[in-house]
Protein backbone atom coordinates (compact mmCIF):
# COMPACT_ATOMS: atom_id res chain seq x y z
CA MET A 1 -69.68 -9.05 20.88
CA ASN A 2 -69.92 -10.01 17.20
CA ASN A 3 -71.08 -7.29 14.85
CA LEU A 4 -73.28 -9.44 12.61
CA THR A 5 -74.08 -6.48 10.34
CA LEU A 6 -70.66 -7.14 8.81
CA LEU A 7 -72.21 -10.26 7.25
CA LEU A 8 -74.99 -8.31 5.53
CA PRO A 9 -73.52 -8.83 2.01
CA GLU A 10 -73.58 -12.61 2.52
CA ILE A 11 -77.06 -12.44 4.07
CA PHE A 12 -78.35 -10.50 1.06
CA VAL A 13 -76.85 -13.09 -1.32
CA VAL A 14 -78.64 -15.87 0.61
CA ILE A 15 -81.93 -13.97 0.39
CA LEU A 16 -81.37 -13.43 -3.33
CA GLY A 17 -80.76 -17.14 -3.95
CA PHE A 18 -83.98 -18.19 -2.21
CA SER A 19 -85.88 -15.31 -3.82
CA ILE A 20 -84.92 -16.57 -7.29
CA LEU A 21 -86.20 -20.04 -6.38
CA THR A 22 -89.47 -18.62 -5.04
CA ILE A 23 -90.12 -16.26 -7.96
CA ASP A 24 -89.57 -19.15 -10.39
CA PHE A 25 -92.63 -20.91 -8.95
CA PHE A 26 -95.00 -18.04 -9.73
CA ILE A 27 -94.02 -16.74 -13.16
CA PRO A 28 -95.10 -18.33 -16.47
CA LYS A 29 -92.59 -19.79 -18.92
CA ASN A 30 -92.80 -16.82 -21.27
CA LYS A 31 -91.60 -14.49 -18.49
CA LYS A 32 -88.57 -16.43 -17.26
CA TRP A 33 -86.40 -13.55 -18.47
CA ILE A 34 -87.34 -11.86 -15.20
CA LEU A 35 -85.07 -14.27 -13.28
CA PRO A 36 -81.67 -13.28 -14.74
CA CYS A 37 -82.64 -9.61 -14.84
CA PHE A 38 -83.63 -9.67 -11.17
CA ALA A 39 -80.47 -11.61 -10.25
CA ILE A 40 -78.14 -9.22 -12.10
CA LEU A 41 -79.78 -6.09 -10.70
CA SER A 42 -79.71 -7.55 -7.19
CA LEU A 43 -76.05 -8.56 -7.44
CA THR A 44 -75.24 -5.06 -8.65
CA GLY A 45 -77.06 -3.58 -5.67
CA ILE A 46 -75.28 -5.94 -3.27
CA LEU A 47 -71.93 -5.02 -4.85
CA ILE A 48 -72.54 -1.30 -4.34
CA PHE A 49 -73.72 -1.87 -0.78
CA THR A 50 -70.66 -4.04 -0.02
CA LEU A 51 -68.21 -1.44 -1.35
CA VAL A 52 -69.84 1.36 0.62
CA PHE A 53 -70.64 -0.51 3.84
CA LEU A 54 -67.42 -2.54 4.31
CA SER A 55 -64.96 0.03 2.98
CA GLY A 56 -62.31 0.72 5.64
CA LYS A 57 -63.73 -1.80 8.12
CA THR A 58 -61.47 -4.35 9.83
CA ASP A 59 -62.92 -6.81 12.30
CA GLU A 60 -63.21 -10.46 13.29
CA LEU A 61 -66.32 -12.55 13.88
CA TYR A 62 -66.69 -15.55 16.19
CA GLY A 63 -63.17 -15.30 17.56
CA GLY A 64 -61.42 -15.01 14.21
CA ILE A 65 -63.36 -17.66 12.26
CA LEU A 66 -64.35 -14.96 9.75
CA ARG A 67 -62.23 -11.91 8.98
CA ILE A 68 -63.54 -8.67 7.55
CA ASP A 69 -60.78 -6.59 5.98
CA GLY A 70 -59.61 -5.00 2.75
CA TYR A 71 -58.51 -8.37 1.39
CA SER A 72 -61.91 -9.99 1.79
CA LEU A 73 -63.62 -6.85 0.47
CA PHE A 74 -61.58 -7.00 -2.73
CA PHE A 75 -62.43 -10.62 -3.43
CA LYS A 76 -66.06 -10.32 -2.36
CA SER A 77 -66.47 -7.50 -4.87
CA ALA A 78 -64.70 -9.54 -7.55
CA PHE A 79 -66.93 -12.58 -6.92
CA LEU A 80 -70.12 -10.52 -7.06
CA ILE A 81 -69.01 -9.10 -10.40
CA LEU A 82 -68.11 -12.61 -11.58
CA GLY A 83 -71.54 -13.87 -10.55
CA GLY A 84 -73.21 -11.19 -12.64
CA ILE A 85 -71.02 -11.99 -15.66
CA LEU A 86 -71.73 -15.73 -15.36
CA ILE A 87 -75.47 -15.11 -15.20
CA VAL A 88 -75.37 -12.86 -18.26
CA SER A 89 -73.28 -15.37 -20.19
CA SER A 90 -75.68 -18.18 -19.19
CA VAL A 91 -78.91 -16.53 -20.38
CA GLU A 92 -78.89 -17.86 -23.94
CA TYR A 93 -77.71 -21.32 -22.89
CA VAL A 94 -80.37 -21.57 -20.17
CA ASN A 95 -83.17 -20.37 -22.44
CA LYS A 96 -82.27 -22.95 -25.06
CA ASN A 97 -81.43 -26.02 -22.95
CA LEU A 98 -82.91 -25.85 -19.46
CA SER A 99 -86.45 -25.92 -18.15
CA ASN A 100 -85.59 -25.38 -14.46
CA GLN A 101 -84.10 -21.93 -14.83
CA GLY A 102 -84.66 -20.74 -11.27
CA GLU A 103 -82.74 -23.70 -9.85
CA TYR A 104 -79.77 -23.02 -12.13
CA TYR A 105 -79.52 -19.33 -11.24
CA SER A 106 -80.05 -19.89 -7.53
CA ILE A 107 -77.34 -22.58 -7.29
CA LEU A 108 -74.99 -20.28 -9.20
CA ILE A 109 -75.73 -17.51 -6.68
CA PHE A 110 -75.11 -19.87 -3.73
CA THR A 111 -71.68 -20.71 -5.18
CA VAL A 112 -70.96 -16.96 -5.16
CA LEU A 113 -71.88 -16.95 -1.47
CA ALA A 114 -69.46 -19.82 -0.82
CA MET A 115 -66.65 -17.97 -2.60
CA MET A 116 -67.30 -14.85 -0.54
CA LEU A 117 -67.05 -16.88 2.67
CA MET A 118 -63.83 -18.53 1.47
CA SER A 119 -62.16 -15.14 1.07
CA SER A 120 -63.09 -14.24 4.68
CA SER A 121 -62.22 -17.56 6.32
CA GLY A 122 -59.65 -17.35 9.10
CA GLU A 123 -60.04 -20.90 10.37
CA LEU A 124 -59.61 -24.29 8.70
CA LEU A 125 -63.06 -25.78 9.38
CA MET A 126 -64.78 -22.60 8.18
CA ALA A 127 -62.60 -22.72 5.09
CA TYR A 128 -63.45 -26.39 4.56
CA ILE A 129 -67.21 -25.83 4.89
CA SER A 130 -67.08 -22.88 2.48
CA LEU A 131 -65.00 -24.86 0.01
CA GLU A 132 -67.39 -27.81 0.16
CA ALA A 133 -70.41 -25.51 -0.31
CA LEU A 134 -68.77 -24.26 -3.49
CA SER A 135 -67.91 -27.80 -4.60
CA PHE A 136 -71.41 -29.17 -4.03
CA GLY A 137 -72.91 -26.34 -6.08
CA LEU A 138 -70.44 -27.05 -8.88
CA TYR A 139 -71.18 -30.80 -8.78
CA VAL A 140 -74.82 -30.04 -9.53
CA LEU A 141 -74.11 -27.37 -12.15
CA VAL A 142 -71.62 -29.55 -14.05
CA ALA A 143 -74.27 -32.26 -14.44
CA PHE A 144 -77.20 -29.86 -14.83
CA ASP A 145 -77.77 -30.75 -18.50
CA ARG A 146 -79.09 -34.15 -17.46
CA TYR A 147 -80.00 -35.30 -20.98
CA ASN A 148 -76.42 -34.79 -22.15
CA ILE A 149 -74.28 -37.91 -21.70
CA LYS A 150 -71.06 -35.91 -21.47
CA SER A 151 -72.52 -33.67 -18.78
CA ASN A 152 -73.62 -36.69 -16.73
CA GLU A 153 -70.23 -38.32 -17.12
CA ALA A 154 -68.44 -35.12 -16.13
CA GLY A 155 -70.62 -34.69 -13.05
CA THR A 156 -70.04 -38.29 -11.96
CA LYS A 157 -66.25 -38.05 -12.33
CA TYR A 158 -66.17 -34.69 -10.61
CA ILE A 159 -68.17 -35.75 -7.56
CA ILE A 160 -66.23 -39.02 -7.07
CA LEU A 161 -62.81 -37.37 -7.31
CA GLY A 162 -64.09 -34.34 -5.41
CA ALA A 163 -65.23 -36.58 -2.53
CA LEU A 164 -61.77 -38.18 -2.46
CA SER A 165 -60.05 -34.80 -2.34
CA SER A 166 -62.40 -33.63 0.42
CA ALA A 167 -61.53 -36.72 2.48
CA ILE A 168 -57.82 -35.99 2.02
CA LEU A 169 -58.37 -32.36 2.99
CA LEU A 170 -60.35 -33.27 6.08
CA PHE A 171 -57.75 -35.83 7.16
CA GLY A 172 -55.07 -33.14 6.90
CA ILE A 173 -57.16 -30.75 9.02
CA SER A 174 -57.75 -33.43 11.70
CA GLN A 175 -54.04 -34.24 11.78
CA ILE A 176 -53.15 -30.56 12.22
CA TYR A 177 -55.74 -30.05 14.95
CA GLY A 178 -54.61 -33.15 16.79
CA LEU A 179 -51.00 -31.93 16.94
CA LEU A 180 -51.46 -28.17 17.26
CA GLY A 181 -54.72 -28.04 19.21
CA THR A 182 -56.11 -25.26 17.00
CA THR A 183 -57.44 -24.68 13.50
CA GLN A 184 -57.26 -20.87 13.51
CA PHE A 185 -54.71 -19.43 11.12
CA ASN A 186 -53.16 -16.84 13.46
CA GLU A 187 -52.90 -19.29 16.38
CA MET A 188 -51.24 -21.82 14.09
CA ALA A 189 -48.68 -19.18 13.08
CA ASP A 190 -47.92 -18.37 16.72
CA ILE A 191 -47.39 -22.02 17.63
CA LEU A 192 -45.28 -22.79 14.54
CA GLY A 193 -43.22 -19.63 15.08
CA ASN A 194 -42.29 -20.77 18.58
CA THR A 195 -41.46 -24.35 17.56
CA SER A 196 -37.82 -25.20 16.97
CA SER A 197 -38.48 -28.41 15.02
CA ILE A 198 -41.50 -29.58 13.06
CA ASN A 199 -43.23 -32.80 14.07
CA PRO A 200 -43.22 -35.28 11.10
CA GLY A 201 -46.89 -35.99 11.73
CA LEU A 202 -47.65 -32.29 11.47
CA LEU A 203 -45.76 -32.08 8.19
CA ILE A 204 -47.83 -34.99 6.89
CA GLY A 205 -50.99 -33.11 7.86
CA PHE A 206 -49.93 -30.07 5.90
CA LEU A 207 -48.97 -32.25 2.92
CA PHE A 208 -52.48 -33.76 2.90
CA LEU A 209 -53.91 -30.25 3.13
CA ILE A 210 -51.84 -29.09 0.15
CA ALA A 211 -52.93 -32.20 -1.79
CA GLY A 212 -56.62 -31.47 -1.15
CA LEU A 213 -56.26 -27.84 -2.16
CA GLY A 214 -54.16 -28.89 -5.15
CA PHE A 215 -57.11 -30.89 -6.45
CA LYS A 216 -59.39 -27.87 -6.21
CA VAL A 217 -57.06 -25.77 -8.41
CA ALA A 218 -56.20 -28.68 -10.76
CA ALA A 219 -52.50 -28.70 -9.92
CA VAL A 220 -50.35 -31.61 -11.07
CA PRO A 221 -50.53 -34.44 -9.99
CA PHE A 222 -54.12 -33.73 -8.87
CA HIS A 223 -55.33 -32.47 -12.25
CA MET A 224 -56.79 -35.63 -13.77
CA TRP A 225 -60.41 -34.52 -13.41
CA ALA A 226 -60.12 -31.17 -15.21
CA PRO A 227 -60.09 -32.07 -18.96
CA ASP A 228 -63.11 -34.41 -18.83
CA VAL A 229 -65.13 -32.17 -16.51
CA TYR A 230 -64.34 -29.02 -18.53
CA GLU A 231 -65.40 -30.76 -21.73
CA GLY A 232 -68.62 -32.25 -20.39
CA ALA A 233 -69.90 -29.32 -18.31
CA PRO A 234 -72.13 -26.61 -19.84
CA THR A 235 -69.77 -23.95 -21.21
CA PRO A 236 -70.80 -21.17 -18.74
CA ILE A 237 -70.10 -23.61 -15.89
CA THR A 238 -66.79 -24.56 -17.44
CA ALA A 239 -65.93 -20.86 -17.25
CA HIS A 240 -67.00 -20.90 -13.59
CA LEU A 241 -64.73 -23.88 -12.89
CA ALA A 242 -61.79 -22.26 -14.66
CA VAL A 243 -62.23 -18.79 -13.17
CA GLY A 244 -64.47 -18.64 -10.10
CA SER A 245 -63.48 -21.86 -8.37
CA LYS A 246 -59.78 -21.29 -9.02
CA ALA A 247 -59.86 -17.64 -7.90
CA ALA A 248 -61.76 -18.44 -4.69
CA THR A 249 -59.43 -21.30 -3.80
CA PHE A 250 -56.33 -19.19 -4.35
CA ALA A 251 -57.89 -16.39 -2.27
CA LEU A 252 -58.27 -18.92 0.53
CA ILE A 253 -54.79 -20.39 0.00
CA LEU A 254 -53.13 -16.97 0.11
CA ARG A 255 -54.76 -16.05 3.42
CA PHE A 256 -53.99 -19.49 4.88
CA PHE A 257 -50.34 -19.49 3.83
CA ILE A 258 -49.62 -15.91 4.90
CA SER A 259 -51.67 -15.85 8.12
CA GLY A 260 -50.96 -19.42 9.23
CA LEU A 261 -48.08 -21.09 7.42
CA MET A 262 -45.37 -18.46 6.96
CA PRO A 263 -43.18 -19.98 9.73
CA LEU A 264 -43.34 -23.30 7.84
CA MET A 265 -42.84 -21.89 4.34
CA ILE A 266 -39.13 -22.73 4.27
CA ASP A 267 -40.01 -26.42 4.76
CA LEU A 268 -42.93 -26.41 2.30
CA GLN A 269 -41.26 -24.32 -0.39
CA ILE A 270 -39.55 -27.20 -2.20
CA ILE A 271 -42.89 -29.05 -2.49
CA LEU A 272 -44.57 -25.97 -3.97
CA ILE A 273 -41.66 -25.45 -6.37
CA ILE A 274 -41.92 -29.03 -7.67
CA MET A 275 -45.71 -28.75 -8.04
CA ALA A 276 -45.37 -25.42 -9.87
CA ALA A 277 -42.76 -26.74 -12.31
CA LEU A 278 -44.75 -29.91 -13.06
CA THR A 279 -48.05 -28.05 -13.40
CA MET A 280 -46.70 -25.40 -15.76
CA THR A 281 -44.89 -27.94 -17.91
CA LEU A 282 -47.45 -30.74 -18.12
CA GLY A 283 -50.41 -28.40 -18.55
CA ASN A 284 -48.91 -26.61 -21.54
CA LEU A 285 -47.41 -29.74 -23.14
CA MET A 286 -50.71 -31.65 -22.98
CA ALA A 287 -52.57 -28.71 -24.48
CA LEU A 288 -50.47 -29.11 -27.64
CA VAL A 289 -52.20 -32.34 -28.66
CA GLN A 290 -55.83 -31.44 -27.90
CA SER A 291 -58.46 -31.27 -30.64
CA ASN A 292 -61.40 -30.15 -28.45
CA ILE A 293 -61.24 -26.44 -27.62
CA LYS A 294 -62.59 -26.89 -24.07
CA ARG A 295 -60.05 -29.62 -23.29
CA LEU A 296 -57.33 -27.37 -24.67
CA LEU A 297 -58.40 -24.55 -22.36
CA ALA A 298 -58.60 -27.05 -19.49
CA TYR A 299 -54.91 -27.85 -19.90
CA SER A 300 -54.22 -24.15 -20.38
CA SER A 301 -55.98 -23.58 -17.06
CA ILE A 302 -53.74 -26.18 -15.45
CA GLY A 303 -50.71 -24.32 -16.83
CA HIS A 304 -51.95 -21.05 -15.34
CA ALA A 305 -52.45 -22.78 -11.98
CA GLY A 306 -48.73 -23.53 -12.24
CA TYR A 307 -47.93 -19.84 -12.66
CA LEU A 308 -49.94 -19.05 -9.53
CA LEU A 309 -48.14 -21.84 -7.66
CA LEU A 310 -44.91 -20.19 -8.79
CA GLY A 311 -46.07 -17.13 -6.87
CA LEU A 312 -46.88 -19.21 -3.79
CA SER A 313 -43.39 -20.71 -3.98
CA ALA A 314 -41.94 -17.20 -3.91
CA LEU A 315 -43.70 -16.01 -0.76
CA VAL A 316 -40.31 -16.27 0.93
CA SER A 317 -36.85 -15.98 -0.56
CA ILE A 318 -34.91 -19.18 -1.15
CA ASN A 319 -32.10 -17.55 0.86
CA GLN A 320 -34.40 -16.60 3.72
CA SER A 321 -33.60 -17.87 7.19
CA GLY A 322 -36.18 -19.81 9.17
CA ASN A 323 -36.75 -16.88 11.54
CA PHE A 324 -40.48 -16.13 11.47
CA ASN A 325 -39.99 -12.43 12.18
CA LEU A 326 -37.94 -12.11 9.01
CA ALA A 327 -40.10 -14.32 6.82
CA PHE A 328 -42.61 -11.73 5.66
CA ILE A 329 -40.11 -9.51 3.87
CA SER A 330 -40.93 -6.58 1.60
CA ASN A 331 -40.74 -8.62 -1.60
CA THR A 332 -43.55 -10.88 -0.36
CA ASN A 333 -46.13 -8.11 -0.73
CA PHE A 334 -44.94 -7.66 -4.31
CA VAL A 335 -45.41 -11.37 -4.99
CA VAL A 336 -48.86 -11.48 -3.38
CA SER A 337 -49.96 -8.52 -5.51
CA GLY A 338 -48.65 -10.36 -8.58
CA ILE A 339 -50.65 -13.49 -7.71
CA ILE A 340 -53.85 -11.48 -7.25
CA LEU A 341 -53.28 -9.48 -10.46
CA HIS A 342 -52.67 -12.64 -12.49
CA THR A 343 -55.78 -14.24 -11.00
CA ILE A 344 -57.88 -11.28 -12.15
CA ALA A 345 -56.23 -10.96 -15.59
CA TYR A 346 -56.46 -14.70 -16.21
CA GLY A 347 -60.10 -14.68 -15.11
CA ILE A 348 -61.15 -11.88 -17.46
CA SER A 349 -59.31 -13.46 -20.41
CA ASN A 350 -60.76 -16.91 -19.75
CA LEU A 351 -64.29 -15.57 -19.36
CA ALA A 352 -64.00 -13.88 -22.76
CA ALA A 353 -62.66 -17.07 -24.37
CA PHE A 354 -65.38 -19.31 -22.95
CA LEU A 355 -68.12 -16.84 -23.87
CA CYS A 356 -66.86 -16.90 -27.46
CA ILE A 357 -66.83 -20.71 -27.42
CA SER A 358 -70.38 -20.76 -26.02
CA ILE A 359 -71.65 -18.48 -28.79
CA ILE A 360 -69.92 -20.51 -31.50
CA TYR A 361 -71.24 -23.79 -30.08
CA LYS A 362 -74.78 -22.42 -29.97
CA LYS A 363 -74.60 -21.59 -33.69
CA THR A 364 -72.61 -24.58 -34.98
CA GLY A 365 -73.09 -27.35 -32.41
CA HIS A 366 -69.36 -28.14 -32.49
CA GLU A 367 -66.50 -27.63 -30.02
CA ASN A 368 -63.51 -28.95 -31.94
CA ILE A 369 -60.72 -26.58 -32.95
CA GLU A 370 -61.18 -27.49 -36.62
CA ASP A 371 -64.78 -26.29 -36.42
CA LEU A 372 -63.54 -22.74 -35.78
CA ALA A 373 -62.49 -22.51 -39.42
CA GLY A 374 -63.70 -19.34 -41.11
CA ILE A 375 -65.19 -17.77 -37.96
CA GLY A 376 -63.10 -14.66 -38.69
CA LYS A 377 -65.29 -13.91 -41.72
CA LYS A 378 -68.56 -15.03 -40.19
CA SER A 379 -68.25 -12.81 -37.11
CA PRO A 380 -65.33 -10.34 -37.16
CA PHE A 381 -66.08 -8.84 -33.73
CA LEU A 382 -66.42 -12.22 -32.03
CA SER A 383 -63.15 -13.33 -33.64
CA MET A 384 -61.38 -10.16 -32.52
CA VAL A 385 -62.40 -10.73 -28.88
CA PHE A 386 -61.44 -14.41 -29.09
CA ALA A 387 -58.04 -13.45 -30.50
CA ALA A 388 -57.55 -10.87 -27.75
CA SER A 389 -58.41 -13.44 -25.07
CA VAL A 390 -55.90 -16.02 -26.32
CA PHE A 391 -53.23 -13.31 -26.75
CA SER A 392 -53.87 -12.28 -23.15
CA LEU A 393 -53.70 -15.87 -21.93
CA ALA A 394 -50.42 -16.26 -23.81
CA GLY A 395 -49.06 -13.11 -22.15
CA LEU A 396 -48.50 -10.89 -25.18
CA PRO A 397 -48.01 -7.12 -24.75
CA ILE A 398 -50.86 -4.59 -24.41
CA PHE A 399 -53.10 -7.32 -22.97
CA ALA A 400 -53.87 -7.97 -19.29
CA GLY A 401 -52.06 -11.30 -19.29
CA PHE A 402 -48.76 -9.67 -20.21
CA ILE A 403 -48.67 -7.19 -17.34
CA SER A 404 -49.85 -9.82 -14.82
CA LYS A 405 -47.21 -12.35 -15.89
CA PHE A 406 -44.55 -9.65 -15.91
CA TYR A 407 -45.49 -8.59 -12.39
CA LEU A 408 -45.68 -12.18 -11.10
CA PHE A 409 -42.46 -13.38 -12.75
CA THR A 410 -40.59 -10.27 -11.57
CA GLY A 411 -41.66 -10.91 -7.98
CA ALA A 412 -40.54 -14.55 -8.15
CA SER A 413 -37.19 -13.48 -9.61
CA MET A 414 -36.69 -11.02 -6.76
CA GLN A 415 -37.11 -13.94 -4.35
CA GLY A 416 -34.34 -15.92 -6.04
CA LEU A 417 -36.45 -18.35 -8.10
CA ILE A 418 -34.89 -17.31 -11.41
CA TRP A 419 -34.62 -20.85 -12.76
CA LEU A 420 -38.29 -21.52 -12.00
CA VAL A 421 -39.23 -18.26 -13.74
CA ALA A 422 -37.19 -19.47 -16.73
CA ILE A 423 -39.38 -22.60 -16.84
CA ALA A 424 -42.49 -20.40 -16.65
CA ILE A 425 -41.28 -18.25 -19.56
CA PHE A 426 -40.42 -21.34 -21.60
CA THR A 427 -43.84 -22.91 -21.00
CA SER A 428 -45.46 -19.58 -21.93
CA LEU A 429 -43.63 -19.81 -25.26
CA ILE A 430 -44.96 -23.35 -25.69
CA SER A 431 -48.48 -22.05 -25.10
CA LEU A 432 -48.06 -19.64 -28.00
CA TYR A 433 -48.13 -22.59 -30.39
CA TYR A 434 -51.54 -23.92 -29.43
CA TYR A 435 -53.02 -20.44 -29.02
CA LEU A 436 -51.81 -19.46 -32.51
CA ARG A 437 -53.21 -22.76 -33.79
CA ILE A 438 -56.65 -21.55 -32.69
CA LEU A 439 -56.18 -18.28 -34.56
CA LYS A 440 -54.96 -20.15 -37.63
CA TYR A 441 -58.33 -21.87 -37.94
CA ILE A 442 -60.26 -18.71 -37.16
CA TYR A 443 -58.56 -16.46 -39.71
CA ILE A 444 -56.74 -18.63 -42.28
CA GLU A 445 -58.63 -21.89 -42.74
CA LYS A 446 -61.75 -21.78 -44.91
CA SER A 447 -65.15 -22.64 -43.54
CA LYS A 448 -67.24 -25.51 -44.90
CA ASP A 449 -70.38 -23.37 -44.76
CA SER A 450 -71.24 -19.70 -45.06
CA GLN A 451 -73.65 -19.44 -42.12
CA GLN A 452 -73.17 -16.10 -40.37
CA ILE A 453 -72.87 -15.86 -36.58
CA ASN A 454 -75.02 -13.01 -35.33
CA LEU A 455 -74.49 -11.76 -31.81
CA SER A 456 -77.33 -10.90 -29.48
CA VAL A 457 -77.31 -7.53 -27.72
CA ILE A 458 -76.41 -9.28 -24.43
CA SER A 459 -73.48 -11.17 -25.95
CA PHE A 460 -72.19 -8.13 -27.83
CA GLY A 461 -72.33 -5.97 -24.71
CA LEU A 462 -70.59 -8.52 -22.46
CA LEU A 463 -67.88 -9.25 -25.04
CA SER A 464 -67.28 -5.51 -25.41
CA VAL A 465 -66.86 -5.06 -21.66
CA LEU A 466 -64.42 -8.00 -21.38
CA PHE A 467 -62.45 -6.84 -24.42
CA ILE A 468 -62.08 -3.32 -23.02
CA ALA A 469 -61.07 -4.74 -19.63
CA MET A 470 -58.31 -6.87 -21.18
CA ILE A 471 -56.88 -3.90 -23.07
CA PHE A 472 -57.34 -1.35 -20.27
CA ILE A 473 -55.61 -3.51 -17.64
CA GLY A 474 -52.83 -4.30 -20.08
CA ILE A 475 -52.15 -0.64 -20.86
CA TYR A 476 -53.11 1.13 -17.63
CA PRO A 477 -53.21 -1.28 -14.66
CA ALA A 478 -52.73 1.45 -12.02
CA PRO A 479 -56.37 1.67 -10.76
CA LEU A 480 -56.61 -2.11 -10.36
CA MET A 481 -53.16 -2.27 -8.77
CA ASP A 482 -54.16 0.37 -6.21
CA ALA A 483 -57.05 -1.85 -5.11
CA ILE A 484 -54.80 -4.93 -5.11
CA HIS A 485 -52.13 -3.18 -3.02
CA HIS A 486 -54.81 -2.22 -0.50
CA ALA A 487 -55.93 -5.86 -0.31
CA THR A 488 -52.32 -7.05 0.02
CA ASP A 489 -51.59 -4.56 2.80
CA ALA A 490 -54.63 -5.82 4.71
CA LEU A 491 -53.26 -9.36 4.45
CA SER A 492 -49.68 -8.45 5.37
CA MET A 493 -48.58 -9.20 8.91
CA LEU A 494 -46.70 -5.93 8.94
CA ASN A 495 -49.96 -3.93 8.87
């Protein structure tokens, strides 16, 4: 018997999304501020309820299609927090540019629902439906500023390439089902673990699946959509693409690989290694020549996807035998924790960077790197947070990005991928150049005007929280690591 009360957090998010739409019909334009306030308070309440109600619970729904455990609880909590941050960071943009505010906030909330379901998915079709629900919400949000040519162009490119990737993904799922007779992760692992040789058709199915998921995280060679879409989308939605979509997809990938594909990891490892090396290298090299700050961060995001793929490549040791019972060795938990930590650290740093860009764009109307000149004098606090975010993305000490990269690279080294870690370190050094180029314009170059950038109370508060989080995690990551270890243990086949 399915205990449907375990889905109460998702049910509450659905109710919230429709409530925002309904309330928007009945309130006048001068009281639209009620919508984000109600959404943020409700998400906070759902977060508290989720932490209390699901803490310590482990169960399956509908025969394993959805899994309730410490891993899903961690990511559900993270996505609810992310939803609140995205709504707060969108308030000023929405008030200035959009007339249909309720639709914007409700679609954003429904994408949070999709991400929550992705973290719980234990079956390929459920994962696919959740992933497509997220993608459809993002298609609309990317093109939401319908009077902006760049936003329309970005939405068109995103939906066309997204449809292609979805077709590839679905073909891979059908191929796998046709040859294995199941789409459930744990059943796939059992069948693959008892198979002496892998059917070439099955390998093709998994390759198509990796290609479809690679598009969703903007991994090379499936990255072509990211720079144009990041540039054209509203800045809060660009942050959602860079942080929320990527985090949710990697949450799904981690569960899928560990619960379903560990017996096949020896065969797939070389593909992941090549993708990781290409993604890290191309992403950071292309960022060197960008003049638009959002395109630069798009290529930076591609580079960070490469670091996370490095972690996926290290789920098993390169010296590991093909014996499934030996595959999930102790170092794997270390690597999984490193992937999750880097996802969180990267997300916080990127959110801070995009919020700074959004504030600057609102005041100046420009998004080019040269237009950042003199911002250090116009808004010292904003510049300090922006500097901290790029230092964290670069992986410099005392910031969250340093400890997450250290943890991730150490885990990959323990698995024998030292040469791939060397590439990751080298590309991180490359990234220092374009990050320092941003700071050069902020603090050294002189501005063409003297217009001050004043922060609203909302922006100042959110920037303060993100700044403290970047420093706190970088100096004292223990509380976050305790939660991550709990999530990793729930995912581990040894527990």
